[in-house]
Amino acid sequence: MGSARKRLMIIGAGGVGTVVVKKSARMDHLYEEIMLASRTKSKCDAIAAEAGPVPVRTAQVDADDVPQLMRLIGEFRPDLLINVALPYQDLPIMEACLATGVHYVDTANYEPKDKAEFEYSWQWAFHERYQEAGLTALLGSGFDPGVTNVFTAYAAKHYFDEIHCLDIVDCNAGDHGMAFATNFNPEINIREITQRGRYWEDGAWRSTEALEIHQPVEYPRIGARESYLLFHEELESLVKHFPTIRRARFWMTFSPQYINHLQVLRNVGMTSIEPIEYQGMQIQPLQFLKAVLPEPSSLGENYSGETSIGCQIRGVKEGKERTVYIYNNCSHQSAYRDTKAQGVSYTTGVPAAIGAALIATDVWKAPGVWNMEQFDPDPFMELLPSLGLPWEIIVDGKLAFLPCGE
């Protein structure tokens, strides 16, 4: 275990950044000082004013600018950095950490600005350089990806000899009272759900039209909610690291009202990332839409209901078939009372703080670039309840999905 207190830098001052700062700033046994930086310093100042007891200083930074990032890192001299900025900025921040000798944690994998796709190849390509530098990069330390990866690793360690089927199910049964709003960055959220779906089956990726496949799923203490098949990045790493998986899918709920609004916006071109000329300027319609939609961090105060996210897993143990369902339900109101953030930000920010804490204490640390499931899941699972995300497990119960091959 590391003994000396560490210095932590956090980049990104949205809803998730709010949670990461407030949770990390309560770890005065672990950190001596925190820096919060983003493009808009006033946002950082507002978060820092409500955090503690660890002192939080703030700064302005353009996270696309590697030399600027390096200068700021050089001035503050952090031991590790949590990136909760935009996924477009993963690569410059990873470059800056590598150049300055700082461990790296993020919550979502890289995607290019000009193409609505995301995969780990760009970040996995840093592995040997991080290894040679003796630095740890922990990818996807949010909830999904993140906790869902750890849930899978925990099930594999304690309940299965082989995992055959994995269904990750994500329900937000909350009500924020808005006609249409996204629970995290609108640009990233809408890009994610309007691209083609993808799932793993029998050793190959299979594609679907956006939101084409859907079915009701029963969520604990919530009930049945229509759930849509999407591609999500943790599927890519999980089928790589658990090669016995025959089928892996990701499902997310959307209300009929949300789907209707999204369909209209798609039909009129507002979700497009292809630039258009407007009053002599080149703009992406989706970026304009983001500007007029509610800020996700503003939704918390009036948010009611809860989220339910988990892994429904089938496989074998000692020659016998078994099922495991590991999940967390998170109340939007309890999340707001704790951090003044809504539940979606909370369920992403808490795991980021935990992943960083495990690196800072040397519990999870190995040179290179790693996904969450590649480390021992037990320390992470032990910390989740104490930081506000209690988990539950159902072994050999009835699950929502048919066995593989049926």
Protein backbone atom coordinates (compact mmCIF):
# COMPACT_ATOMS: atom_id res chain seq x y z
CA MET A 1 0.00 0.00 0.00
CA GLY A 2 1.24 3.51 -0.79
CA SER A 3 1.69 5.59 2.37
CA ALA A 4 2.53 9.19 1.40
CA ARG A 5 -0.47 11.31 0.40
CA LYS A 6 -0.81 11.94 -3.30
CA ARG A 7 -1.57 14.87 -5.58
CA LEU A 8 -4.53 14.40 -7.94
CA MET A 9 -5.47 16.32 -11.09
CA ILE A 10 -9.00 16.11 -12.53
CA ILE A 11 -9.86 17.43 -16.00
CA GLY A 12 -13.53 18.11 -16.72
CA ALA A 13 -16.07 20.16 -14.75
CA GLY A 14 -19.41 18.74 -15.83
CA GLY A 15 -21.75 16.57 -13.78
CA VAL A 16 -19.30 13.67 -13.58
CA GLY A 17 -16.43 15.98 -12.69
CA THR A 18 -18.53 17.38 -9.84
CA VAL A 19 -18.93 13.90 -8.34
CA VAL A 20 -15.28 12.91 -8.84
CA VAL A 21 -14.03 16.07 -7.14
CA LYS A 22 -16.40 15.88 -4.19
CA LYS A 23 -15.77 12.17 -3.58
CA SER A 24 -12.00 12.47 -3.99
CA ALA A 25 -11.79 15.62 -1.83
CA ARG A 26 -13.23 13.61 1.08
CA MET A 27 -10.26 11.21 0.89
CA ASP A 28 -7.94 13.32 3.07
CA HIS A 29 -6.12 10.16 4.14
CA LEU A 30 -5.11 9.67 0.49
CA TYR A 31 -4.74 13.09 -1.17
CA GLU A 32 -2.96 16.21 0.02
CA GLU A 33 -4.18 18.47 -2.79
CA ILE A 34 -6.40 18.31 -5.87
CA MET A 35 -6.43 20.44 -9.01
CA LEU A 36 -9.60 20.72 -11.10
CA ALA A 37 -9.13 22.10 -14.62
CA SER A 38 -11.44 22.63 -17.58
CA ARG A 39 -12.02 25.00 -20.46
CA THR A 40 -14.27 27.15 -18.22
CA LYS A 41 -12.55 28.03 -14.93
CA SER A 42 -15.72 29.46 -13.36
CA LYS A 43 -17.29 25.97 -13.44
CA CYS A 44 -14.25 24.61 -11.63
CA ASP A 45 -14.43 27.37 -9.03
CA ALA A 46 -18.08 26.60 -8.25
CA ILE A 47 -17.33 22.90 -7.71
CA ALA A 48 -14.19 23.58 -5.66
CA ALA A 49 -16.09 25.93 -3.35
CA GLU A 50 -18.31 23.01 -2.24
CA ALA A 51 -15.56 20.38 -1.93
CA GLY A 52 -13.29 19.38 0.93
CA PRO A 53 -11.57 18.73 3.27
CA VAL A 54 -8.77 18.17 0.72
CA PRO A 55 -7.89 21.59 -0.77
CA VAL A 56 -8.98 21.98 -4.42
CA ARG A 57 -7.28 24.53 -6.63
CA THR A 58 -8.58 25.35 -10.11
CA ALA A 59 -7.22 26.23 -13.54
CA GLN A 60 -8.28 26.84 -17.12
CA VAL A 61 -6.98 24.42 -19.75
CA ASP A 62 -7.70 23.40 -23.33
CA ALA A 63 -7.61 19.61 -23.12
CA ASP A 64 -6.96 19.32 -26.87
CA ASP A 65 -3.64 21.17 -26.47
CA VAL A 66 -0.87 18.77 -25.39
CA PRO A 67 1.79 21.44 -24.66
CA GLN A 68 -0.71 23.42 -22.57
CA LEU A 69 -1.67 20.28 -20.66
CA MET A 70 2.00 19.47 -20.09
CA ARG A 71 2.68 22.95 -18.71
CA LEU A 72 -0.22 22.71 -16.26
CA ILE A 73 0.77 19.20 -15.18
CA GLY A 74 4.35 20.40 -14.76
CA GLU A 75 3.23 23.25 -12.52
CA PHE A 76 0.97 21.15 -10.27
CA ARG A 77 3.03 17.91 -10.35
CA PRO A 78 0.20 15.39 -9.78
CA ASP A 79 0.82 11.71 -9.17
CA LEU A 80 -2.21 10.75 -11.21
CA LEU A 81 -4.84 12.35 -13.43
CA ILE A 82 -8.54 11.56 -13.87
CA ASN A 83 -9.87 12.50 -17.31
CA VAL A 84 -13.61 13.26 -17.25
CA ALA A 85 -13.46 15.64 -20.20
CA LEU A 86 -14.83 14.65 -23.64
CA PRO A 87 -13.87 11.30 -25.26
CA TYR A 88 -12.32 13.27 -28.14
CA GLN A 89 -9.68 14.45 -25.67
CA ASP A 90 -8.50 11.06 -24.41
CA LEU A 91 -5.50 10.87 -26.74
CA PRO A 92 -4.02 14.34 -26.06
CA ILE A 93 -4.47 13.83 -22.31
CA MET A 94 -2.83 10.39 -22.50
CA GLU A 95 0.07 11.93 -24.45
CA ALA A 96 0.49 14.66 -21.85
CA CYS A 97 0.46 12.16 -18.96
CA LEU A 98 3.01 9.99 -20.73
CA ALA A 99 5.30 12.96 -21.36
CA THR A 100 5.11 14.14 -17.73
CA GLY A 101 5.20 10.80 -15.89
CA VAL A 102 1.64 10.78 -14.52
CA HIS A 103 -0.73 7.82 -14.11
CA TYR A 104 -3.97 8.11 -16.11
CA VAL A 105 -7.65 7.20 -15.48
CA ASP A 106 -10.68 7.84 -17.74
CA THR A 107 -14.34 6.82 -17.96
CA ALA A 108 -15.00 6.46 -21.71
CA ASN A 109 -12.92 5.40 -24.68
CA TYR A 110 -11.65 7.64 -27.45
CA GLU A 111 -13.78 8.64 -30.40
CA PRO A 112 -12.83 11.01 -33.23
CA LYS A 113 -14.77 14.25 -33.58
CA ASP A 114 -15.60 13.72 -37.23
CA LYS A 115 -16.86 10.13 -37.06
CA ALA A 116 -19.54 8.63 -34.78
CA GLU A 117 -17.61 5.52 -33.77
CA PHE A 118 -15.58 4.46 -30.78
CA GLU A 119 -13.18 1.62 -30.09
CA TYR A 120 -10.22 0.89 -27.86
CA SER A 121 -7.59 0.45 -30.60
CA TRP A 122 -6.34 4.04 -30.35
CA GLN A 123 -5.80 3.77 -26.60
CA TRP A 124 -4.56 0.17 -26.54
CA ALA A 125 -1.83 1.39 -28.93
CA PHE A 126 -0.29 3.30 -25.99
CA HIS A 127 0.35 0.07 -24.02
CA GLU A 128 4.05 -0.43 -24.74
CA ARG A 129 4.88 3.25 -24.25
CA TYR A 130 3.13 3.35 -20.87
CA GLN A 131 4.83 0.06 -19.96
CA GLU A 132 8.27 1.42 -20.80
CA ALA A 133 7.55 4.60 -18.80
CA GLY A 134 6.41 2.57 -15.75
CA LEU A 135 3.00 4.27 -15.84
CA THR A 136 -0.50 2.85 -15.38
CA ALA A 137 -3.39 3.89 -17.62
CA LEU A 138 -6.80 2.64 -16.45
CA LEU A 139 -9.46 2.83 -19.16
CA GLY A 140 -13.21 3.12 -18.67
CA SER A 141 -13.48 3.55 -14.90
CA GLY A 142 -17.10 4.69 -14.97
CA PHE A 143 -20.19 2.52 -14.52
CA ASP A 144 -20.75 1.21 -18.03
CA PRO A 145 -17.96 0.85 -18.97
CA GLY A 146 -16.32 0.34 -15.60
CA VAL A 147 -18.41 -1.24 -12.88
CA THR A 148 -19.98 -3.55 -15.47
CA ASN A 149 -16.47 -4.79 -16.35
CA VAL A 150 -15.70 -5.35 -12.67
CA PHE A 151 -19.05 -7.10 -12.11
CA THR A 152 -18.15 -9.48 -14.96
CA ALA A 153 -14.65 -10.11 -13.57
CA TYR A 154 -16.08 -10.68 -10.08
CA ALA A 155 -18.57 -13.23 -11.42
CA ALA A 156 -15.83 -14.95 -13.43
CA LYS A 157 -13.59 -15.15 -10.35
CA HIS A 158 -16.14 -16.36 -7.82
CA TYR A 159 -19.05 -18.00 -9.68
CA PHE A 160 -17.98 -19.42 -13.05
CA ASP A 161 -15.43 -21.64 -14.68
CA GLU A 162 -16.60 -20.29 -18.04
CA ILE A 163 -18.86 -17.38 -18.96
CA HIS A 164 -20.94 -18.08 -22.06
CA CYS A 165 -23.51 -15.26 -22.22
CA LEU A 166 -23.31 -11.68 -21.02
CA ASP A 167 -26.13 -9.14 -21.18
CA ILE A 168 -25.40 -5.71 -19.71
CA VAL A 169 -28.67 -3.96 -18.88
CA ASP A 170 -28.95 -0.23 -18.14
CA CYS A 171 -32.19 1.40 -16.99
CA ASN A 172 -32.77 5.02 -16.03
CA ALA A 173 -36.26 5.08 -14.53
CA GLY A 174 -35.86 8.64 -13.31
CA ASP A 175 -37.93 11.69 -14.20
CA HIS A 176 -36.25 15.08 -14.58
CA GLY A 177 -39.42 16.89 -15.67
CA MET A 178 -37.96 18.12 -18.98
CA ALA A 179 -39.60 17.49 -22.36
CA PHE A 180 -36.26 16.27 -23.77
CA ALA A 181 -32.83 16.17 -22.14
CA THR A 182 -29.82 13.86 -22.05
CA ASN A 183 -28.29 12.56 -18.83
CA PHE A 184 -24.72 13.13 -19.93
CA ASN A 185 -23.06 15.27 -22.58
CA PRO A 186 -25.78 15.58 -25.29
CA GLU A 187 -23.31 15.40 -28.15
CA ILE A 188 -21.75 12.15 -26.91
CA ASN A 189 -25.09 10.67 -25.83
CA ILE A 190 -26.86 11.26 -29.15
CA ARG A 191 -23.87 10.12 -31.23
CA GLU A 192 -23.81 6.91 -29.22
CA ILE A 193 -27.45 5.94 -29.63
CA THR A 194 -27.95 7.02 -33.26
CA GLN A 195 -25.13 4.89 -34.65
CA ARG A 196 -25.62 1.28 -35.72
CA GLY A 197 -26.02 -1.32 -32.99
CA ARG A 198 -23.50 -4.13 -32.61
CA TYR A 199 -23.22 -7.28 -30.51
CA TRP A 200 -20.88 -10.29 -30.25
CA GLU A 201 -22.07 -13.75 -31.18
CA ASP A 202 -20.20 -16.95 -32.03
CA GLY A 203 -16.83 -15.27 -32.54
CA ALA A 204 -18.00 -12.35 -34.71
CA TRP A 205 -19.54 -8.89 -34.44
CA ARG A 206 -23.07 -8.60 -35.77
CA SER A 207 -24.57 -5.25 -36.77
CA THR A 208 -28.10 -3.86 -36.53
CA GLU A 209 -29.79 -0.63 -37.48
CA ALA A 210 -29.87 1.99 -34.72
CA LEU A 211 -32.42 1.01 -32.02
CA GLU A 212 -33.74 -1.77 -34.29
CA ILE A 213 -33.70 -4.54 -31.65
CA HIS A 214 -35.59 -3.97 -28.43
CA GLN A 215 -37.57 -5.86 -25.82
CA PRO A 216 -38.90 -5.36 -22.29
CA VAL A 217 -36.50 -6.18 -19.45
CA GLU A 218 -37.49 -6.55 -15.79
CA TYR A 219 -35.35 -4.31 -13.57
CA PRO A 220 -35.17 -4.82 -9.78
CA ARG A 221 -37.58 -2.59 -7.83
CA ILE A 222 -38.47 -0.78 -11.08
CA GLY A 223 -40.31 -3.31 -13.20
CA ALA A 224 -40.40 -3.91 -16.95
CA ARG A 225 -38.90 -1.24 -19.21
CA GLU A 226 -38.41 -1.35 -23.00
CA SER A 227 -34.68 -1.83 -23.58
CA TYR A 228 -32.78 -1.20 -26.83
CA LEU A 229 -29.70 -3.01 -28.11
CA LEU A 230 -26.71 -0.66 -28.56
CA PHE A 231 -23.00 -1.10 -29.05
CA HIS A 232 -21.06 -0.16 -25.93
CA GLU A 233 -17.29 -0.14 -25.56
CA GLU A 234 -17.03 -2.59 -22.65
CA LEU A 235 -18.27 -5.35 -24.96
CA GLU A 236 -15.07 -4.98 -27.00
CA SER A 237 -12.72 -5.48 -24.07
CA LEU A 238 -14.80 -8.11 -22.26
CA VAL A 239 -15.01 -10.50 -25.22
CA LYS A 240 -11.26 -10.08 -25.64
CA HIS A 241 -10.40 -10.81 -22.02
CA PHE A 242 -13.04 -13.52 -21.47
CA PRO A 243 -12.71 -15.57 -24.68
CA THR A 244 -15.27 -18.21 -23.58
CA ILE A 245 -18.05 -15.64 -24.10
CA ARG A 246 -20.28 -16.79 -26.95
CA ARG A 247 -22.66 -13.86 -26.94
CA ALA A 248 -22.36 -10.38 -25.42
CA ARG A 249 -24.96 -7.61 -25.74
CA PHE A 250 -25.70 -4.23 -24.21
CA TRP A 251 -29.23 -2.90 -23.56
CA MET A 252 -30.39 0.56 -22.50
CA THR A 253 -33.86 1.91 -21.73
CA PHE A 254 -35.44 4.92 -23.43
CA SER A 255 -38.93 6.25 -22.86
CA PRO A 256 -41.38 6.54 -25.80
CA GLN A 257 -41.21 10.33 -25.38
CA TYR A 258 -37.41 10.28 -25.70
CA ILE A 259 -37.53 8.04 -28.78
CA ASN A 260 -40.15 10.29 -30.44
CA HIS A 261 -38.12 13.45 -29.84
CA LEU A 262 -34.95 11.75 -31.07
CA GLN A 263 -36.66 10.50 -34.23
CA VAL A 264 -37.92 13.98 -35.09
CA LEU A 265 -34.48 15.49 -34.48
CA ARG A 266 -32.89 12.83 -36.70
CA ASN A 267 -35.49 13.38 -39.43
CA VAL A 268 -34.77 17.13 -39.62
CA GLY A 269 -30.99 16.63 -39.54
CA MET A 270 -30.30 18.01 -36.05
CA THR A 271 -28.37 14.92 -34.92
CA SER A 272 -25.94 15.04 -37.86
CA ILE A 273 -22.21 15.57 -37.29
CA GLU A 274 -21.67 16.58 -40.93
CA PRO A 275 -20.79 20.32 -40.96
CA ILE A 276 -23.17 22.73 -42.69
CA GLU A 277 -22.68 26.37 -43.57
CA TYR A 278 -24.72 28.77 -41.42
CA GLN A 279 -24.33 32.54 -41.71
CA GLY A 280 -20.86 32.14 -43.20
CA MET A 281 -19.71 29.64 -40.56
CA GLN A 282 -19.21 25.88 -40.59
CA ILE A 283 -21.16 24.24 -37.74
CA GLN A 284 -22.21 20.70 -36.83
CA PRO A 285 -26.00 20.54 -36.28
CA LEU A 286 -25.45 18.24 -33.28
CA GLN A 287 -23.17 20.79 -31.62
CA PHE A 288 -25.86 23.45 -32.08
CA LEU A 289 -28.45 21.08 -30.59
CA LYS A 290 -26.14 20.51 -27.61
CA ALA A 291 -26.06 24.27 -27.02
CA VAL A 292 -29.85 24.55 -26.72
CA LEU A 293 -30.49 21.40 -24.65
CA PRO A 294 -30.40 21.50 -20.82
CA GLU A 295 -26.96 21.06 -19.24
CA PRO A 296 -26.97 17.51 -17.75
CA SER A 297 -25.44 18.82 -14.49
CA SER A 298 -28.50 21.08 -14.08
CA LEU A 299 -30.98 18.19 -13.90
CA GLY A 300 -30.18 16.89 -10.43
CA GLU A 301 -32.27 19.01 -8.07
CA ASN A 302 -35.65 18.00 -9.50
CA TYR A 303 -34.74 14.45 -10.54
CA SER A 304 -36.80 11.64 -8.99
CA GLY A 305 -36.65 7.86 -9.39
CA GLU A 306 -33.60 5.68 -9.80
CA THR A 307 -31.20 3.92 -12.16
CA SER A 308 -30.59 0.17 -12.33
CA ILE A 309 -27.51 -1.14 -14.11
CA GLY A 310 -26.15 -4.65 -14.03
CA CYS A 311 -24.78 -7.75 -15.70
CA GLN A 312 -26.89 -10.82 -16.44
CA ILE A 313 -24.44 -13.67 -16.91
CA ARG A 314 -24.80 -17.32 -17.91
CA GLY A 315 -22.12 -19.98 -17.89
CA VAL A 316 -20.92 -23.11 -16.17
CA LYS A 317 -19.37 -23.95 -12.80
CA GLU A 318 -18.05 -27.47 -12.16
CA GLY A 319 -19.92 -28.72 -15.20
CA LYS A 320 -23.29 -27.27 -14.18
CA GLU A 321 -25.10 -24.37 -15.82
CA ARG A 322 -25.69 -21.34 -13.64
CA THR A 323 -26.84 -17.73 -13.87
CA VAL A 324 -25.70 -14.64 -12.00
CA TYR A 325 -27.22 -11.16 -11.99
CA ILE A 326 -25.08 -8.46 -10.34
CA TYR A 327 -26.54 -4.95 -10.25
CA ASN A 328 -26.74 -1.58 -8.54
CA ASN A 329 -29.82 0.61 -8.13
CA CYS A 330 -29.05 4.28 -7.51
CA SER A 331 -31.54 6.92 -6.37
CA HIS A 332 -31.27 10.27 -8.16
CA GLN A 333 -32.36 12.05 -4.99
CA SER A 334 -29.77 10.37 -2.76
CA ALA A 335 -27.08 11.14 -5.35
CA TYR A 336 -28.14 14.80 -5.32
CA ARG A 337 -28.12 14.96 -1.52
CA ASP A 338 -24.58 13.56 -1.50
CA THR A 339 -22.99 15.57 -4.33
CA LYS A 340 -25.62 17.86 -5.92
CA ALA A 341 -25.47 15.68 -9.05
CA GLN A 342 -28.08 13.42 -10.66
CA GLY A 343 -27.76 9.64 -10.59
CA VAL A 344 -26.22 9.16 -14.05
CA SER A 345 -23.35 11.52 -13.20
CA TYR A 346 -23.05 9.90 -9.77
CA THR A 347 -22.82 6.33 -11.07
CA THR A 348 -20.01 7.41 -13.42
CA GLY A 349 -18.12 9.68 -11.04
CA VAL A 350 -17.98 7.37 -8.00
CA PRO A 351 -16.24 4.53 -9.91
CA ALA A 352 -13.74 7.00 -11.39
CA ALA A 353 -12.81 8.12 -7.87
CA ILE A 354 -12.49 4.47 -6.78
CA GLY A 355 -10.31 3.46 -9.75
CA ALA A 356 -7.97 6.39 -9.06
CA ALA A 357 -7.84 5.57 -5.34
CA LEU A 358 -6.82 1.97 -6.09
CA ILE A 359 -3.99 3.21 -8.30
CA ALA A 360 -2.95 5.85 -5.73
CA THR A 361 -2.69 3.18 -3.01
CA ASP A 362 -0.84 0.72 -5.31
CA VAL A 363 -3.65 -1.85 -5.00
CA TRP A 364 -4.23 -1.64 -8.75
CA LYS A 365 -1.02 -0.69 -10.44
CA ALA A 366 0.91 -2.23 -13.33
CA PRO A 367 2.82 -0.51 -16.13
CA GLY A 368 0.77 -0.35 -19.32
CA VAL A 369 -2.76 0.37 -20.54
CA TRP A 370 -5.47 -1.73 -18.91
CA ASN A 371 -9.21 -2.26 -18.86
CA MET A 372 -11.01 -2.62 -15.53
CA GLU A 373 -11.57 -6.39 -15.76
CA GLN A 374 -7.82 -7.02 -15.97
CA PHE A 375 -7.32 -6.18 -12.28
CA ASP A 376 -8.53 -8.07 -9.18
CA PRO A 377 -12.21 -7.10 -8.83
CA ASP A 378 -12.47 -7.68 -5.07
CA PRO A 379 -10.93 -4.40 -3.78
CA PHE A 380 -13.15 -2.38 -6.11
CA MET A 381 -16.28 -4.30 -5.11
CA GLU A 382 -15.43 -3.71 -1.44
CA LEU A 383 -15.25 0.08 -1.94
CA LEU A 384 -18.42 0.51 -4.01
CA PRO A 385 -20.95 0.36 -1.14
CA SER A 386 -18.96 2.64 1.18
CA LEU A 387 -18.76 5.32 -1.53
CA GLY A 388 -22.50 5.23 -2.27
CA LEU A 389 -23.09 2.43 -4.80
CA PRO A 390 -24.19 -0.74 -2.97
CA TRP A 391 -24.48 -3.79 -5.19
CA GLU A 392 -26.63 -6.89 -5.04
CA ILE A 393 -26.26 -10.34 -6.53
CA ILE A 394 -28.82 -12.99 -7.54
CA VAL A 395 -27.39 -16.47 -8.13
CA ASP A 396 -29.34 -19.04 -10.16
CA GLY A 397 -32.41 -16.84 -10.39
CA LYS A 398 -34.63 -16.20 -13.40
CA LEU A 399 -33.08 -13.79 -15.92
CA ALA A 400 -34.66 -11.78 -18.68
CA PHE A 401 -32.92 -13.50 -21.58
CA LEU A 402 -32.94 -16.91 -23.21
CA PRO A 403 -29.79 -19.05 -22.94
CA CYS A 404 -27.23 -18.77 -25.73
CA GLY A 405 -28.33 -20.41 -28.93
CA GLU A 406 -32.06 -20.28 -28.22
